[in-house]
């Protein structure tokens, strides 16, 4: 199998894992909202009056970033590549959302090495 086909296959598998994680995250969030709001959830969600889109997008983005950091072992450059964004954009979002990258690195690996990928 050519290197290109292997890379394409690897990318498809990563995308599938990301989508699965997102689906689980969304389903969990919906379940939590339904439990918290009881019967109101069924009627209020239709008009969207109480859903804060910005907050939901932020949570979704944080979950995606954390998943990419997990899959990349805390390497921001690799995580950025998985998310198809520039490493500088990912780093800015990590700072904005105050996401710690420490828990994703193998023990003993320096912060500088992990951020450089």
C-alpha atoms as a PDB file:
ATOM      1  CA  UNK A   1       0.000   0.000   0.000  1.00  0.00           C
ATOM      2  CA  UNK A   2       1.410   3.411  -0.909  1.00  0.00           C
ATOM      3  CA  UNK A   3       2.369   5.945   1.749  1.00  0.00           C
ATOM      4  CA  UNK A   4      -0.345   8.293   0.448  1.00  0.00           C
ATOM      5  CA  UNK A   5      -3.059   5.624   0.817  1.00  0.00           C
ATOM      6  CA  UNK A   6      -1.851   4.796   4.324  1.00  0.00           C
ATOM      7  CA  UNK A   7      -1.988   8.486   5.293  1.00  0.00           C
ATOM      8  CA  UNK A   8      -5.443   8.878   3.727  1.00  0.00           C
ATOM      9  CA  UNK A   9      -6.693   5.826   5.617  1.00  0.00           C
ATOM     10  CA  UNK A  10      -5.162   7.114   8.869  1.00  0.00           C
ATOM     11  CA  UNK A  11      -6.836  10.522   8.354  1.00  0.00           C
ATOM     12  CA  UNK A  12     -10.241   8.897   7.707  1.00  0.00           C
ATOM     13  CA  UNK A  13      -9.874   6.836  10.878  1.00  0.00           C
ATOM     14  CA  UNK A  14      -8.958   9.939  12.905  1.00  0.00           C
ATOM     15  CA  UNK A  15     -11.929  11.845  11.497  1.00  0.00           C
ATOM     16  CA  UNK A  16     -14.208   8.952  12.356  1.00  0.00           C
ATOM     17  CA  UNK A  17     -12.886   8.856  15.934  1.00  0.00           C
ATOM     18  CA  UNK A  18     -13.393  12.614  16.272  1.00  0.00           C
ATOM     19  CA  UNK A  19     -16.935  12.375  14.935  1.00  0.00           C
ATOM     20  CA  UNK A  20     -17.727   9.502  17.301  1.00  0.00           C
ATOM     21  CA  UNK A  21     -16.403  11.501  20.256  1.00  0.00           C
ATOM     22  CA  UNK A  22     -18.457  14.508  19.177  1.00  0.00           C
ATOM     23  CA  UNK A  23     -21.591  12.432  18.834  1.00  0.00           C
ATOM     24  CA  UNK A  24     -21.096  11.031  22.322  1.00  0.00           C
ATOM     25  CA  UNK A  25     -20.426  14.504  23.702  1.00  0.00           C
ATOM     26  CA  UNK A  26     -23.544  15.936  22.070  1.00  0.00           C
ATOM     27  CA  UNK A  27     -25.700  13.017  23.194  1.00  0.00           C
ATOM     28  CA  UNK A  28     -24.403  13.359  26.757  1.00  0.00           C
ATOM     29  CA  UNK A  29     -25.085  17.098  26.742  1.00  0.00           C
ATOM     30  CA  UNK A  30     -28.629  16.531  25.456  1.00  0.00           C
ATOM     31  CA  UNK A  31     -29.259  13.893  28.132  1.00  0.00           C
ATOM     32  CA  UNK A  32     -27.994  16.241  30.853  1.00  0.00           C
ATOM     33  CA  UNK A  33     -30.181  19.066  29.556  1.00  0.00           C
ATOM     34  CA  UNK A  34     -33.203  16.780  29.386  1.00  0.00           C
ATOM     35  CA  UNK A  35     -32.655  15.543  32.944  1.00  0.00           C
ATOM     36  CA  UNK A  36     -32.185  19.074  34.272  1.00  0.00           C
ATOM     37  CA  UNK A  37     -35.253  20.490  32.537  1.00  0.00           C
ATOM     38  CA  UNK A  38     -37.591  17.498  32.599  1.00  0.00           C
ATOM     39  CA  UNK A  39     -40.664  17.924  30.413  1.00  0.00           C
ATOM     40  CA  UNK A  40     -39.798  21.548  29.569  1.00  0.00           C
ATOM     41  CA  UNK A  41     -36.953  20.291  27.398  1.00  0.00           C
ATOM     42  CA  UNK A  42     -39.332  18.833  24.838  1.00  0.00           C
ATOM     43  CA  UNK A  43     -41.259  22.057  24.285  1.00  0.00           C
ATOM     44  CA  UNK A  44     -38.637  24.752  24.842  1.00  0.00           C
ATOM     45  CA  UNK A  45     -36.028  23.338  22.499  1.00  0.00           C
ATOM     46  CA  UNK A  46     -38.368  23.744  19.529  1.00  0.00           C
ATOM     47  CA  UNK A  47     -38.299  27.537  19.593  1.00  0.00           C
ATOM     48  CA  UNK A  48     -34.712  27.632  20.889  1.00  0.00           C
ATOM     49  CA  UNK A  49     -35.562  30.346  23.382  1.00  0.00           C
ATOM     50  CA  UNK A  50     -33.265  29.098  26.123  1.00  0.00           C
ATOM     51  CA  UNK A  51     -30.394  27.631  24.106  1.00  0.00           C
ATOM     52  CA  UNK A  52     -27.299  29.831  24.081  1.00  0.00           C
ATOM     53  CA  UNK A  53     -25.687  29.006  20.737  1.00  0.00           C
ATOM     54  CA  UNK A  54     -22.398  30.721  21.585  1.00  0.00           C
ATOM     55  CA  UNK A  55     -22.042  28.698  24.764  1.00  0.00           C
ATOM     56  CA  UNK A  56     -22.897  25.429  22.994  1.00  0.00           C
ATOM     57  CA  UNK A  57     -20.390  26.143  20.210  1.00  0.00           C
ATOM     58  CA  UNK A  58     -17.730  26.980  22.825  1.00  0.00           C
ATOM     59  CA  UNK A  59     -18.340  23.687  24.656  1.00  0.00           C
ATOM     60  CA  UNK A  60     -18.250  21.791  21.377  1.00  0.00           C
ATOM     61  CA  UNK A  61     -14.989  23.472  20.364  1.00  0.00           C
ATOM     62  CA  UNK A  62     -13.389  22.785  23.754  1.00  0.00           C
ATOM     63  CA  UNK A  63     -14.381  19.114  23.497  1.00  0.00           C
ATOM     64  CA  UNK A  64     -12.878  18.888  20.010  1.00  0.00           C
ATOM     65  CA  UNK A  65      -9.632  20.525  21.109  1.00  0.00           C
ATOM     66  CA  UNK A  66      -9.339  18.266  24.162  1.00  0.00           C
ATOM     67  CA  UNK A  67      -9.971  15.190  22.030  1.00  0.00           C
ATOM     68  CA  UNK A  68      -7.323  16.250  19.490  1.00  0.00           C
ATOM     69  CA  UNK A  69      -4.847  16.930  22.311  1.00  0.00           C
ATOM     70  CA  UNK A  70      -5.610  13.507  23.768  1.00  0.00           C
ATOM     71  CA  UNK A  71      -5.103  11.758  20.420  1.00  0.00           C
ATOM     72  CA  UNK A  72      -1.874  13.685  19.769  1.00  0.00           C
ATOM     73  CA  UNK A  73      -0.393  13.115  23.227  1.00  0.00           C
ATOM     74  CA  UNK A  74      -0.519  16.843  23.939  1.00  0.00           C
ATOM     75  CA  UNK A  75       1.365  17.840  20.785  1.00  0.00           C
ATOM     76  CA  UNK A  76      -0.285  21.048  19.661  1.00  0.00           C
ATOM     77  CA  UNK A  77       1.093  20.929  16.133  1.00  0.00           C
ATOM     78  CA  UNK A  78      -0.290  17.424  15.597  1.00  0.00           C
ATOM     79  CA  UNK A  79      -3.587  18.375  17.238  1.00  0.00           C
ATOM     80  CA  UNK A  80      -3.859  21.443  14.995  1.00  0.00           C
ATOM     81  CA  UNK A  81      -3.251  19.260  11.950  1.00  0.00           C
ATOM     82  CA  UNK A  82      -6.036  16.900  13.081  1.00  0.00           C
ATOM     83  CA  UNK A  83      -8.380  19.875  13.448  1.00  0.00           C
ATOM     84  CA  UNK A  84      -7.219  21.364  10.121  1.00  0.00           C
ATOM     85  CA  UNK A  85      -6.155  24.663  11.639  1.00  0.00           C
ATOM     86  CA  UNK A  86      -2.895  26.521  12.090  1.00  0.00           C
ATOM     87  CA  UNK A  87      -0.963  25.700  15.276  1.00  0.00           C
ATOM     88  CA  UNK A  88      -1.048  29.397  16.220  1.00  0.00           C
ATOM     89  CA  UNK A  89      -4.862  29.378  15.987  1.00  0.00           C
ATOM     90  CA  UNK A  90      -5.067  26.279  18.158  1.00  0.00           C
ATOM     91  CA  UNK A  91      -2.684  27.793  20.696  1.00  0.00           C
ATOM     92  CA  UNK A  92      -4.794  30.971  20.825  1.00  0.00           C
ATOM     93  CA  UNK A  93      -7.954  28.913  21.431  1.00  0.00           C
ATOM     94  CA  UNK A  94      -6.207  26.855  24.125  1.00  0.00           C
ATOM     95  CA  UNK A  95      -5.290  30.090  25.896  1.00  0.00           C
ATOM     96  CA  UNK A  96      -8.731  31.675  25.364  1.00  0.00           C
ATOM     97  CA  UNK A  97     -10.555  28.639  26.739  1.00  0.00           C
ATOM     98  CA  UNK A  98      -7.864  28.024  29.402  1.00  0.00           C
ATOM     99  CA  UNK A  99      -7.355  24.417  28.358  1.00  0.00           C
ATOM    100  CA  UNK A 100      -4.445  22.752  30.139  1.00  0.00           C
ATOM    101  CA  UNK A 101      -2.225  20.634  27.907  1.00  0.00           C
ATOM    102  CA  UNK A 102      -0.382  19.077  30.857  1.00  0.00           C
ATOM    103  CA  UNK A 103      -2.668  16.082  31.272  1.00  0.00           C
ATOM    104  CA  UNK A 104      -2.187  14.983  27.668  1.00  0.00           C
ATOM    105  CA  UNK A 105       1.609  14.659  27.630  1.00  0.00           C
ATOM    106  CA  UNK A 106       3.578  11.532  28.431  1.00  0.00           C
ATOM    107  CA  UNK A 107       5.422  11.871  31.760  1.00  0.00           C
ATOM    108  CA  UNK A 108       8.693  13.756  31.656  1.00  0.00           C
ATOM    109  CA  UNK A 109       8.044  15.503  28.345  1.00  0.00           C
ATOM    110  CA  UNK A 110       8.692  19.233  28.386  1.00  0.00           C
ATOM    111  CA  UNK A 111       5.988  21.789  27.569  1.00  0.00           C
ATOM    112  CA  UNK A 112       8.135  23.314  24.818  1.00  0.00           C
ATOM    113  CA  UNK A 113       8.619  19.978  23.057  1.00  0.00           C
ATOM    114  CA  UNK A 114       4.882  19.171  23.212  1.00  0.00           C
ATOM    115  CA  UNK A 115       3.854  22.545  21.806  1.00  0.00           C
ATOM    116  CA  UNK A 116       6.302  22.183  18.913  1.00  0.00           C
ATOM    117  CA  UNK A 117       4.935  18.761  18.001  1.00  0.00           C
END
